[in-house]
Amino acid sequence: MISNHPHEQRFAAWLEAHGAIPRQLSRAYAPEPADEADLHQEMLVQLWRSLPRYRAQAKPSTWIYRVCLNTGLTWRRTEGRRKARVVAQPEPIETASTSEIGPADAQEQQDLMAKLMHAIRGLPPGDRSLVVLALDGLNYREMGEITGMTENHVGVALTRARKKLALALKEVSDEF
């Protein structure tokens, strides 16, 4: 049950409306699938802590992206300090239901998504941020608000990031 406190009400409403943002970003920034839950939790904690500083000068989704991206970048910088690793488990991939596609097609789609996420994780943090935002369907203006870049710079940087991603995916496919 949510209390009548405005802070808690806003947080609950944001999670209901934009809960996919921290999930997607934690998946893109976690170095190992086992770290995704920890990073997701950290993003939610940072979002909770930052909520009192929200002044409605940007859309809530923009604020959430900004907080979660900064948390993901910080997570990556401090990754080397975390020595203990949980044994990696297969990466959960969101796919269409098997009633819509056959098992072989579902497995192929899972493999492609795993390769894409691996390639995205291999990009530099700034490029990774832009690719994730683009995959979420944000336009250049929105990406600029989140990252602090101009729309033109977002376009140029995203084009370069896409080329790096295409090259990384080509190298992965050439291995097979």
Protein backbone atom coordinates (compact mmCIF):
# COMPACT_ATOMS: atom_id res chain seq x y z
CA MET A 1 0.00 0.00 0.00
CA ILE A 2 1.35 3.41 -0.97
CA SER A 3 1.30 6.10 1.68
CA ASN A 4 -0.07 9.59 1.20
CA HIS A 5 3.45 11.04 1.15
CA PRO A 6 3.95 12.84 -2.20
CA HIS A 7 7.51 11.49 -2.53
CA GLU A 8 6.31 7.90 -2.34
CA GLN A 9 3.33 8.55 -4.60
CA ARG A 10 5.52 10.13 -7.29
CA PHE A 11 8.06 7.31 -7.07
CA ALA A 12 5.34 4.66 -7.40
CA ALA A 13 3.76 6.48 -10.34
CA TRP A 14 7.13 6.82 -12.06
CA LEU A 15 7.89 3.14 -11.65
CA GLU A 16 4.51 2.21 -13.01
CA ALA A 17 4.85 4.48 -16.04
CA HIS A 18 8.60 4.20 -16.68
CA GLY A 19 9.76 1.05 -14.88
CA ALA A 20 11.19 -0.38 -18.10
CA ILE A 21 13.87 2.33 -18.27
CA PRO A 22 15.99 1.10 -15.34
CA ARG A 23 15.45 -2.53 -16.40
CA GLN A 24 16.70 -1.89 -19.92
CA LEU A 25 19.62 0.26 -18.84
CA SER A 26 20.75 -2.18 -16.17
CA ARG A 27 20.74 -4.88 -18.82
CA ALA A 28 22.86 -2.75 -21.13
CA TYR A 29 25.36 -1.65 -18.47
CA ALA A 30 25.75 -4.73 -16.28
CA PRO A 31 29.00 -6.49 -17.20
CA GLU A 32 27.54 -9.90 -16.44
CA PRO A 33 23.95 -11.09 -16.43
CA ALA A 34 24.35 -11.90 -12.74
CA ASP A 35 25.03 -8.20 -12.06
CA GLU A 36 21.83 -6.96 -13.72
CA ALA A 37 19.68 -7.29 -10.62
CA ASP A 38 22.26 -5.48 -8.48
CA LEU A 39 22.58 -2.63 -10.96
CA HIS A 40 18.81 -2.40 -11.36
CA GLN A 41 18.46 -2.13 -7.59
CA GLU A 42 21.16 0.56 -7.48
CA MET A 43 19.35 2.52 -10.19
CA LEU A 44 16.13 2.41 -8.20
CA VAL A 45 17.93 3.53 -5.03
CA GLN A 46 19.56 6.44 -6.86
CA LEU A 47 16.24 7.37 -8.43
CA TRP A 48 14.63 7.40 -4.97
CA ARG A 49 17.45 9.53 -3.57
CA SER A 50 17.32 11.99 -6.45
CA LEU A 51 13.55 12.42 -6.39
CA PRO A 52 13.59 15.41 -3.98
CA ARG A 53 15.82 17.28 -6.46
CA TYR A 54 13.36 16.82 -9.33
CA ARG A 55 11.98 20.27 -10.22
CA ALA A 56 9.77 19.32 -13.21
CA GLN A 57 12.05 21.20 -15.61
CA ALA A 58 12.24 18.03 -17.70
CA LYS A 59 9.82 15.20 -18.35
CA PRO A 60 9.93 12.46 -15.70
CA SER A 61 11.22 9.97 -18.29
CA THR A 62 14.11 12.31 -19.10
CA TRP A 63 14.98 12.61 -15.41
CA ILE A 64 14.77 8.83 -14.96
CA TYR A 65 17.02 8.22 -17.97
CA ARG A 66 19.52 10.77 -16.69
CA VAL A 67 19.70 9.26 -13.19
CA CYS A 68 19.86 5.68 -14.48
CA LEU A 69 22.47 6.45 -17.14
CA ASN A 70 24.67 8.19 -14.58
CA THR A 71 24.25 5.24 -12.23
CA GLY A 72 25.15 2.81 -15.03
CA LEU A 73 28.24 4.83 -15.94
CA THR A 74 29.35 4.96 -12.30
CA TRP A 75 28.73 1.23 -12.00
CA ARG A 76 31.02 0.56 -14.95
CA ARG A 77 33.77 2.80 -13.56
CA THR A 78 33.72 1.00 -10.21
CA GLU A 79 33.39 -2.47 -11.75
CA GLY A 80 37.09 -3.21 -11.33
CA ARG A 81 36.75 -2.79 -7.58
CA ARG A 82 34.19 -5.54 -7.37
CA LYS A 83 36.26 -8.71 -7.29
CA ALA A 84 33.67 -11.26 -6.25
CA ARG A 85 31.63 -12.49 -9.18
CA VAL A 86 28.65 -14.75 -9.21
CA VAL A 87 28.85 -17.53 -11.78
CA ALA A 88 27.26 -16.15 -14.92
CA GLN A 89 23.89 -17.59 -15.76
CA PRO A 90 22.21 -17.55 -19.13
CA GLU A 91 21.07 -14.06 -19.99
CA PRO A 92 17.31 -13.64 -19.84
CA ILE A 93 16.10 -12.50 -23.22
CA GLU A 94 12.68 -11.03 -23.82
CA THR A 95 11.24 -12.66 -26.91
CA ALA A 96 7.92 -13.18 -28.56
CA SER A 97 5.84 -16.00 -27.16
CA THR A 98 6.52 -19.43 -28.58
CA SER A 99 2.91 -19.63 -29.77
CA GLU A 100 3.73 -16.89 -32.29
CA ILE A 101 7.03 -18.39 -33.49
CA GLY A 102 8.50 -21.85 -33.47
CA PRO A 103 11.14 -23.06 -30.96
CA ALA A 104 13.95 -22.90 -33.52
CA ASP A 105 13.02 -19.33 -34.44
CA ALA A 106 12.71 -18.38 -30.78
CA GLN A 107 16.19 -19.75 -30.08
CA GLU A 108 17.60 -17.89 -33.09
CA GLN A 109 15.97 -14.68 -31.86
CA GLN A 110 17.42 -15.24 -28.38
CA ASP A 111 20.87 -15.81 -29.86
CA LEU A 112 20.64 -12.63 -31.92
CA MET A 113 19.50 -10.60 -28.90
CA ALA A 114 22.35 -12.01 -26.81
CA LYS A 115 24.85 -11.04 -29.52
CA LEU A 116 23.35 -7.56 -29.78
CA MET A 117 23.51 -7.00 -26.02
CA HIS A 118 27.10 -8.30 -25.93
CA ALA A 119 28.05 -5.92 -28.73
CA ILE A 120 26.30 -3.00 -27.00
CA ARG A 121 28.16 -3.75 -23.76
CA GLY A 122 31.42 -3.60 -25.73
CA LEU A 123 30.81 -0.01 -26.86
CA PRO A 124 32.33 2.92 -24.98
CA PRO A 125 29.91 4.23 -22.32
CA GLY A 126 28.84 7.33 -24.26
CA ASP A 127 28.12 5.34 -27.41
CA ARG A 128 26.33 2.68 -25.37
CA SER A 129 24.08 5.35 -23.85
CA LEU A 130 23.08 6.72 -27.24
CA VAL A 131 22.41 3.28 -28.72
CA VAL A 132 20.23 2.28 -25.77
CA LEU A 133 18.29 5.55 -25.98
CA ALA A 134 17.83 5.08 -29.74
CA LEU A 135 16.63 1.51 -29.23
CA ASP A 136 14.10 2.91 -26.77
CA GLY A 137 12.75 5.10 -29.56
CA LEU A 138 13.84 8.50 -28.25
CA ASN A 139 14.40 11.29 -30.75
CA TYR A 140 17.58 13.38 -30.95
CA ARG A 141 16.09 16.21 -28.91
CA GLU A 142 15.16 13.88 -26.07
CA MET A 143 18.56 12.18 -26.21
CA GLY A 144 20.20 15.60 -26.05
CA GLU A 145 18.19 16.56 -22.97
CA ILE A 146 19.25 13.36 -21.23
CA THR A 147 22.91 13.42 -22.21
CA GLY A 148 23.49 17.18 -22.28
CA MET A 149 24.47 17.07 -25.96
CA THR A 150 23.09 19.20 -28.80
CA GLU A 151 20.73 17.50 -31.24
CA ASN A 152 23.33 17.77 -33.99
CA HIS A 153 26.02 16.22 -31.80
CA VAL A 154 23.64 13.41 -30.85
CA GLY A 155 23.08 12.67 -34.55
CA VAL A 156 26.78 12.61 -35.35
CA ALA A 157 27.73 10.58 -32.28
CA LEU A 158 24.87 8.12 -32.80
CA THR A 159 25.88 7.56 -36.43
CA ARG A 160 29.42 6.78 -35.31
CA ALA A 161 28.15 4.52 -32.51
CA ARG A 162 25.93 2.62 -34.95
CA LYS A 163 28.92 2.06 -37.25
CA LYS A 164 30.96 0.69 -34.32
CA LEU A 165 28.05 -1.54 -33.34
CA ALA A 166 27.61 -2.81 -36.91
CA LEU A 167 31.32 -3.57 -37.10
CA ALA A 168 31.22 -5.42 -33.77
CA LEU A 169 28.21 -7.45 -34.90
CA LYS A 170 29.88 -8.23 -38.24
CA GLU A 171 32.98 -9.48 -36.40
CA VAL A 172 30.80 -11.70 -34.22
CA SER A 173 28.99 -13.14 -37.25
CA ASP A 174 32.31 -13.68 -39.06
CA GLU A 175 33.45 -15.88 -36.17
CA PHE A 176 30.73 -18.39 -36.99
